[in-house]
Protein backbone atom coordinates (compact mmCIF):
# COMPACT_ATOMS: atom_id res chain seq x y z
CA MET A 1 -18.89 21.86 67.57
CA LYS A 2 -16.58 19.13 66.33
CA TYR A 3 -18.23 16.78 63.83
CA LEU A 4 -21.40 18.88 63.73
CA ASP A 5 -20.98 22.44 62.47
CA GLU A 6 -18.58 21.45 59.71
CA TYR A 7 -21.04 18.82 58.49
CA ARG A 8 -23.77 21.48 58.23
CA ASP A 9 -21.65 23.86 56.18
CA ALA A 10 -23.89 25.07 53.34
CA LYS A 11 -21.04 25.76 50.89
CA ALA A 12 -19.59 22.27 51.37
CA VAL A 13 -23.03 20.69 50.87
CA HIS A 14 -23.65 22.67 47.67
CA ASN A 15 -20.24 21.63 46.35
CA VAL A 16 -21.21 17.97 46.76
CA LEU A 17 -24.63 18.63 45.21
CA ALA A 18 -22.90 20.22 42.22
CA GLU A 19 -20.78 17.10 41.81
CA ILE A 20 -23.93 14.96 41.96
CA ASN A 21 -25.37 17.10 39.14
CA ARG A 22 -22.23 16.58 37.06
CA THR A 23 -22.24 12.82 37.70
CA VAL A 24 -25.86 11.75 37.15
CA THR A 25 -26.99 10.87 33.60
CA ARG A 26 -30.19 8.89 34.21
CA SER A 27 -32.96 8.41 36.75
CA TRP A 28 -32.24 6.61 40.02
CA THR A 29 -34.32 5.88 43.13
CA LEU A 30 -32.42 5.78 46.42
CA MET A 31 -33.73 4.77 49.83
CA GLU A 32 -32.42 6.13 53.10
CA VAL A 33 -33.06 3.37 55.63
CA CYS A 34 -33.04 5.41 58.83
CA GLY A 35 -35.80 7.67 60.09
CA GLY A 36 -33.21 10.02 61.56
CA GLN A 37 -31.79 10.46 58.08
CA THR A 38 -35.30 11.10 56.73
CA HIS A 39 -35.85 13.93 59.21
CA SER A 40 -32.50 15.51 58.35
CA ILE A 41 -33.24 15.28 54.61
CA ILE A 42 -36.68 16.86 54.94
CA ARG A 43 -35.59 19.45 57.51
CA HIS A 44 -32.77 20.72 55.29
CA GLY A 45 -34.64 20.24 52.00
CA LEU A 46 -31.95 18.00 50.53
CA ASP A 47 -34.44 16.03 48.46
CA GLN A 48 -35.55 19.28 46.83
CA LEU A 49 -31.98 20.34 46.05
CA LEU A 50 -31.09 17.15 44.20
CA PRO A 51 -31.26 16.96 40.40
CA PRO A 52 -34.64 15.72 39.10
CA GLU A 53 -33.07 12.41 38.03
CA ILE A 54 -32.63 11.37 41.68
CA GLU A 55 -35.59 10.48 43.86
CA LEU A 56 -35.26 9.73 47.56
CA VAL A 57 -37.78 7.36 49.13
CA HIS A 58 -38.07 6.72 52.84
CA GLY A 59 -37.43 3.32 54.35
CA PRO A 60 -38.49 1.36 57.44
CA GLY A 61 -35.68 2.53 59.70
CA CYS A 62 -37.84 3.98 62.45
CA PRO A 63 -38.11 1.40 65.27
CA VAL A 64 -41.15 3.08 66.81
CA CYS A 65 -42.91 3.10 63.44
CA VAL A 66 -42.37 -0.59 62.68
CA THR A 67 -43.36 -1.88 66.13
CA PRO A 68 -46.42 -3.97 65.22
CA LEU A 69 -49.89 -3.10 66.41
CA GLU A 70 -50.06 -6.42 68.23
CA LEU A 71 -47.11 -5.52 70.46
CA ILE A 72 -48.52 -2.05 71.12
CA ASP A 73 -51.77 -3.68 72.25
CA LYS A 74 -49.80 -6.06 74.47
CA ALA A 75 -47.98 -3.09 75.99
CA LEU A 76 -51.31 -1.40 76.68
CA ALA A 77 -52.68 -4.54 78.35
CA LEU A 78 -49.60 -4.89 80.54
CA ALA A 79 -49.57 -1.21 81.47
CA ALA A 80 -53.19 -1.42 82.62
CA ARG A 81 -52.48 -4.22 85.12
CA PRO A 82 -52.46 -3.09 88.77
CA ASP A 83 -49.52 -5.38 89.56
CA VAL A 84 -47.30 -3.90 86.81
CA ILE A 85 -45.13 -0.80 86.51
CA PHE A 86 -44.68 -0.29 82.77
CA THR A 87 -41.54 1.57 81.66
CA SER A 88 -40.74 2.89 78.22
CA TYR A 89 -38.90 5.56 76.30
CA GLY A 90 -41.09 8.60 75.83
CA ASP A 91 -41.55 8.26 72.07
CA MET A 92 -43.62 5.09 72.56
CA LEU A 93 -46.26 6.70 74.77
CA ARG A 94 -48.33 8.22 71.97
CA VAL A 95 -48.09 5.37 69.47
CA PRO A 96 -51.70 4.31 68.82
CA GLY A 97 -52.81 0.76 69.44
CA THR A 98 -56.17 -0.63 68.38
CA PHE A 99 -58.71 2.16 68.32
CA VAL A 100 -61.49 2.07 70.91
CA TYR A 101 -65.04 2.45 69.64
CA SER A 102 -67.58 4.00 72.03
CA GLU A 103 -70.81 5.99 72.02
CA THR A 104 -68.80 9.21 71.80
CA GLY A 105 -66.93 8.06 68.70
CA VAL A 106 -63.52 6.61 67.89
CA GLN A 107 -60.84 7.18 70.52
CA ALA A 108 -57.11 6.53 70.23
CA ASN A 109 -55.68 4.05 72.68
CA ASP A 110 -52.07 4.63 73.72
CA LEU A 111 -49.85 4.44 76.79
CA PHE A 112 -50.67 8.03 77.72
CA SER A 113 -54.38 7.19 77.82
CA VAL A 114 -53.65 4.09 79.93
CA LYS A 115 -51.67 6.30 82.31
CA SER A 116 -54.58 8.78 82.49
CA ARG A 117 -56.85 5.89 83.51
CA GLY A 118 -54.58 5.00 86.43
CA GLY A 119 -51.96 2.72 84.92
CA ASP A 120 -48.47 3.06 86.38
CA VAL A 121 -46.62 4.08 83.20
CA ARG A 122 -43.22 5.72 83.60
CA ILE A 123 -40.83 7.27 81.08
CA VAL A 124 -37.24 6.12 81.45
CA TYR A 125 -34.07 7.20 79.67
CA SER A 126 -32.23 3.89 79.98
CA PRO A 127 -33.14 0.27 80.72
CA LEU A 128 -31.00 0.71 83.82
CA ASP A 129 -33.64 3.14 85.08
CA ALA A 130 -36.16 0.30 84.81
CA LEU A 131 -33.85 -1.96 86.83
CA LYS A 132 -33.64 0.69 89.52
CA ILE A 133 -37.44 0.91 89.66
CA ALA A 134 -37.59 -2.89 90.00
CA ARG A 135 -35.21 -2.81 92.95
CA GLU A 136 -37.30 -0.11 94.62
CA ASN A 137 -40.64 -1.89 94.02
CA PRO A 138 -40.11 -5.58 94.89
CA TYR A 139 -43.84 -6.30 95.08
CA LYS A 140 -44.58 -5.11 91.55
CA THR A 141 -43.46 -6.51 88.21
CA VAL A 142 -41.54 -3.90 86.23
CA VAL A 143 -41.85 -4.29 82.46
CA PHE A 144 -39.46 -2.48 80.13
CA PHE A 145 -40.55 -1.99 76.51
CA ALA A 146 -37.40 -3.09 74.64
CA VAL A 147 -37.85 -1.45 71.24
CA GLY A 148 -35.29 -0.72 68.57
CA PHE A 149 -32.90 -1.89 65.92
CA GLU A 150 -29.47 -3.37 66.56
CA THR A 151 -28.50 0.03 67.98
CA THR A 152 -30.44 -0.34 71.24
CA ALA A 153 -30.23 -4.12 71.56
CA PRO A 154 -26.86 -4.15 73.43
CA ALA A 155 -28.05 -1.83 76.23
CA ASN A 156 -31.33 -3.72 76.58
CA GLY A 157 -29.44 -7.01 76.58
CA MET A 158 -27.09 -5.75 79.29
CA ALA A 159 -30.10 -4.87 81.43
CA VAL A 160 -31.33 -8.46 81.13
CA GLN A 161 -27.86 -9.77 82.01
CA GLN A 162 -27.73 -7.48 85.06
CA ALA A 163 -31.21 -8.57 86.18
CA ALA A 164 -30.07 -12.20 85.95
CA ARG A 165 -26.93 -11.48 87.99
CA GLU A 166 -28.91 -9.69 90.70
CA GLY A 167 -31.78 -12.16 90.71
CA LEU A 168 -34.30 -9.39 89.98
CA ASP A 169 -37.21 -11.72 89.33
CA ASN A 170 -39.70 -8.83 89.25
CA PHE A 171 -38.11 -7.41 86.07
CA CYS A 172 -38.99 -8.41 82.52
CA VAL A 173 -38.90 -7.01 79.00
CA LEU A 174 -41.45 -6.80 76.22
CA VAL A 175 -39.15 -7.36 73.24
CA SER A 176 -39.72 -5.63 69.92
CA HIS A 177 -36.25 -5.66 68.39
CA VAL A 178 -35.85 -5.75 64.62
CA THR A 179 -32.80 -5.87 62.35
CA VAL A 180 -31.98 -4.00 59.15
CA PRO A 181 -30.56 -6.55 56.66
CA PRO A 182 -33.73 -8.70 56.45
CA ALA A 183 -35.74 -5.52 55.83
CA ILE A 184 -33.52 -4.72 52.85
CA VAL A 185 -34.16 -8.24 51.56
CA ALA A 186 -37.92 -7.76 51.92
CA ILE A 187 -37.78 -4.43 50.08
CA MET A 188 -35.68 -5.78 47.23
CA GLU A 189 -37.83 -8.90 46.80
CA ALA A 190 -41.11 -6.99 46.76
CA PRO A 191 -42.40 -7.06 43.15
CA GLU A 192 -43.22 -3.35 43.19
CA THR A 193 -39.84 -2.15 44.49
CA ARG A 194 -38.20 0.80 42.71
CA VAL A 195 -35.07 1.05 44.84
CA ASN A 196 -31.72 1.15 43.02
CA GLY A 197 -29.46 1.83 46.00
CA PHE A 198 -29.42 2.32 49.77
CA LEU A 199 -28.10 4.81 52.30
CA ALA A 200 -27.47 2.53 55.29
CA ALA A 201 -27.94 3.73 58.86
CA GLY A 202 -24.69 4.82 60.46
CA HIS A 203 -25.67 4.11 64.07
CA VAL A 204 -26.73 0.52 63.30
CA CYS A 205 -23.44 -0.10 61.50
CA THR A 206 -21.53 1.40 64.43
CA VAL A 207 -22.73 -1.65 66.35
CA MET A 208 -22.90 -4.32 63.64
CA GLY A 209 -20.22 -3.25 61.14
CA LEU A 210 -20.37 -3.72 57.37
CA GLU A 211 -20.12 -7.44 56.69
CA GLN A 212 -23.86 -8.19 56.83
CA TYR A 213 -24.43 -5.87 53.88
CA ARG A 214 -21.88 -7.24 51.44
CA PRO A 215 -23.90 -10.35 50.45
CA LEU A 216 -26.96 -8.16 49.91
CA ALA A 217 -25.12 -5.75 47.62
CA LEU A 218 -23.83 -8.69 45.57
CA LYS A 219 -27.10 -10.65 45.43
CA TYR A 220 -29.34 -7.73 44.48
CA GLN A 221 -26.70 -5.79 42.52
CA ILE A 222 -27.23 -2.64 44.56
CA PRO A 223 -24.77 -0.17 46.04
CA ILE A 224 -25.08 0.28 49.80
CA VAL A 225 -23.35 3.28 51.35
CA VAL A 226 -23.20 3.66 55.14
CA THR A 227 -24.08 7.27 55.85
CA GLY A 228 -24.33 9.70 58.75
CA PHE A 229 -27.10 12.12 59.63
CA GLU A 230 -25.91 15.64 58.88
CA PRO A 231 -26.51 17.34 55.51
CA LEU A 232 -22.94 16.88 54.30
CA ASP A 233 -22.96 13.23 55.40
CA LEU A 234 -26.14 12.59 53.45
CA ALA A 235 -25.06 14.52 50.35
CA TYR A 236 -21.76 12.65 50.29
CA GLY A 237 -23.55 9.32 50.76
CA ILE A 238 -25.90 10.11 47.87
CA LEU A 239 -22.93 11.05 45.70
CA ASN A 240 -21.23 7.74 46.44
CA VAL A 241 -24.37 5.75 45.59
CA VAL A 242 -24.86 7.69 42.35
CA LYS A 243 -21.22 7.19 41.31
CA GLN A 244 -21.60 3.45 41.78
CA LEU A 245 -24.89 3.32 39.89
CA GLU A 246 -23.47 5.30 37.00
CA ALA A 247 -20.39 3.04 36.90
CA GLY A 248 -22.44 -0.16 37.20
CA THR A 249 -20.80 -1.28 40.45
CA CYS A 250 -22.46 -2.66 43.58
CA GLU A 251 -20.26 -2.35 46.63
CA VAL A 252 -20.64 -1.57 50.30
CA GLN A 253 -18.90 1.70 51.11
CA ASN A 254 -18.38 3.45 54.42
CA ALA A 255 -19.07 7.18 54.17
CA TYR A 256 -19.28 7.50 57.96
CA ALA A 257 -15.83 6.23 58.89
CA ARG A 258 -15.40 8.75 61.69
CA THR A 259 -17.93 6.70 63.66
CA VAL A 260 -18.33 3.31 61.97
CA PRO A 261 -15.49 0.76 62.15
CA ALA A 262 -15.66 -1.99 59.54
CA GLN A 263 -16.01 -4.70 62.19
CA GLY A 264 -18.52 -2.76 64.30
CA ASN A 265 -18.54 -2.92 68.10
CA LEU A 266 -17.51 -6.45 69.03
CA PRO A 267 -18.39 -6.26 72.77
CA ALA A 268 -21.86 -5.00 71.86
CA GLN A 269 -22.27 -7.81 69.35
CA ASN A 270 -21.26 -10.31 72.03
CA VAL A 271 -24.01 -9.02 74.34
CA ILE A 272 -26.58 -9.39 71.57
CA ALA A 273 -25.40 -12.92 70.80
CA ASP A 274 -25.57 -13.91 74.48
CA VAL A 275 -29.03 -12.51 75.24
CA PHE A 276 -30.93 -12.70 71.96
CA GLU A 277 -31.52 -15.10 69.09
CA PRO A 278 -32.99 -14.36 65.65
CA CYS A 279 -36.70 -14.90 65.08
CA ASN A 280 -39.45 -14.05 62.61
CA ARG A 281 -40.86 -10.64 63.44
CA ALA A 282 -43.90 -8.68 62.29
CA TRP A 283 -43.29 -5.10 61.13
CA ARG A 284 -46.15 -2.66 61.45
CA GLY A 285 -47.80 -2.06 58.09
CA ILE A 286 -45.44 -4.49 56.33
CA GLY A 287 -46.10 -7.93 57.82
CA VAL A 288 -43.84 -10.73 58.97
CA ILE A 289 -40.24 -10.61 57.72
CA PRO A 290 -38.42 -13.92 58.30
CA GLN A 291 -35.54 -13.85 60.79
CA SER A 292 -35.80 -10.08 61.09
CA GLY A 293 -36.12 -9.78 64.86
CA TYR A 294 -34.61 -10.76 68.17
CA ARG A 295 -36.16 -12.68 71.04
CA LEU A 296 -34.67 -13.71 74.37
CA ARG A 297 -32.67 -16.93 74.42
CA GLU A 298 -34.02 -19.77 76.53
CA LYS A 299 -31.60 -19.10 79.39
CA TYR A 300 -33.15 -15.64 79.83
CA VAL A 301 -36.74 -16.60 79.05
CA LYS A 302 -37.97 -15.88 82.58
CA PHE A 303 -37.43 -12.20 81.77
CA ASP A 304 -39.77 -12.39 78.76
CA ALA A 305 -42.96 -10.43 79.53
CA GLU A 306 -44.99 -12.40 76.97
CA ARG A 307 -44.06 -15.65 78.69
CA ARG A 308 -44.61 -14.24 82.18
CA PHE A 309 -48.10 -13.03 81.26
CA PRO A 310 -49.47 -15.77 78.94
CA ASP A 311 -52.82 -14.04 78.44
CA VAL A 312 -50.98 -11.05 76.97
CA GLY A 313 -48.69 -13.26 74.92
CA ALA A 314 -51.67 -14.82 73.15
CA MET A 315 -53.17 -11.48 71.98
CA LYS A 316 -53.73 -10.87 68.25
CA SER A 317 -54.53 -7.56 66.54
CA VAL A 318 -55.63 -6.43 63.09
CA GLU A 319 -54.24 -3.32 61.40
CA PRO A 320 -56.75 -0.65 60.33
CA ASP A 321 -57.12 -0.06 56.58
CA ILE A 322 -57.19 3.74 56.74
CA CYS A 323 -53.53 4.11 57.75
CA ARG A 324 -51.14 3.58 54.83
CA SER A 325 -47.94 3.90 56.82
CA GLY A 326 -46.85 0.44 55.66
CA GLU A 327 -46.54 1.74 52.11
CA VAL A 328 -44.59 4.74 53.40
CA LEU A 329 -42.21 2.44 55.28
CA GLN A 330 -41.59 0.40 52.12
CA GLY A 331 -40.85 3.47 50.01
CA LEU A 332 -43.97 2.94 47.89
CA LEU A 333 -45.76 6.08 49.04
CA LYS A 334 -44.66 9.53 50.17
CA PRO A 335 -46.43 10.74 53.32
CA ASP A 336 -48.15 13.61 51.52
CA GLN A 337 -49.60 11.14 49.01
CA CYS A 338 -51.69 9.48 51.73
CA PRO A 339 -55.31 10.76 51.64
CA ALA A 340 -55.42 10.95 55.46
CA PHE A 341 -52.17 12.92 55.84
CA GLY A 342 -52.76 16.30 57.45
CA LYS A 343 -56.49 15.68 57.61
CA GLN A 344 -57.67 12.69 59.67
CA CYS A 345 -54.01 12.03 60.59
CA THR A 346 -52.05 14.78 62.37
CA PRO A 347 -49.60 14.81 65.30
CA LEU A 348 -52.55 15.50 67.62
CA THR A 349 -54.74 12.78 66.06
CA PRO A 350 -52.28 10.21 64.68
CA LEU A 351 -53.55 7.15 62.85
CA GLY A 352 -50.16 5.47 62.74
CA ALA A 353 -46.75 5.50 64.35
CA THR A 354 -45.10 7.28 61.41
CA MET A 355 -46.97 10.44 62.48
CA VAL A 356 -46.00 10.03 66.15
CA SER A 357 -42.36 9.04 66.22
CA SER A 358 -39.59 11.61 66.25
CA GLU A 359 -38.10 9.57 63.39
CA GLY A 360 -41.33 8.95 61.47
CA ALA A 361 -41.49 10.10 57.85
CA CYS A 362 -45.06 11.42 58.21
CA ALA A 363 -44.02 13.45 61.26
CA ALA A 364 -41.09 14.89 59.30
CA TYR A 365 -43.31 15.96 56.40
CA TYR A 366 -45.81 17.55 58.79
CA LYS A 367 -43.22 19.25 61.00
CA TYR A 368 -41.20 20.75 58.15
CA GLY A 369 -44.06 22.12 56.10
CA ARG A 370 -44.59 19.55 53.36
CA ILE A 371 -48.22 19.47 54.46
CA GLN A 372 -48.74 22.73 52.58
CA GLU A 373 -48.50 20.87 49.29
CA ILE A 374 -51.81 19.10 49.88
CA LEU A 375 -53.86 21.70 51.76
């Protein structure tokens, strides 16, 4: 398959790994931002094939994982309302909210459990599916859980624009959009950070381009290389970061040029600018990162689920101490270094979103056998 098989070619990957071995002379810590990259790295064992001088740590680039507990609890409250049809992508349905304590013990509380109790929760594959449901159910309010990085914001924004054009007043969105550059700032300004360079997420840059990253590379003196998701993409991205580190340079490079134009996708950016504005946003396990999220602009505020349901908008939640996914998302802890990993926390009994999401680092370690190291 074009742009797939050739980027999984083992000989080509080993050739790049050999060049990395010839290039590196000292220890470096690199962070891949995207959860999709994390899964590819762990699945193919790339981190174990690298020379010992290079350590890969896993960043906060999983939108499901960083959706704060407070918003999950708001989603659960909305989904339980009899006058609401709650729509979401499937990977959000098992993300645990606040745990429920009862006489039978501690029970997870997620959208699946709300659905089992009678809530009208539906999986959709596009926000346009949610619009269709709203048209077909004029006497119910249809809420779409708008989760994601800059990658999904254009499609979700277009759904809001379409709802406004059609006058679909029974449609609204629960917004949990976050953006990558402020997360890099938070990581680099954390006193305990060990990161020397970044592999930036190719799909985010397909939308937003490269310019947002140049000031960060200069300010923090770090190389940032935009990278794809296949083994050869990742190996080549790592090589480019290592070459810069060894040479003492700090540039933004595009190692995913077959998909990422330097300017990004301008029509998509225009949709984002029309529908959303920057805001402070809480990241699950990390806390509030200034100007790291999107919220609806005032002209679209009637489609804001938190405004439409003020009792839900006022909810506050407290993260449990047992889950250490926040440290995993900041690159401070590997999943298999968490005492609960593979024991209290498994895909069937997840304590945090990093064990649930298809892009979560904990899920990757569990799925691809790294659990054996601690059993």
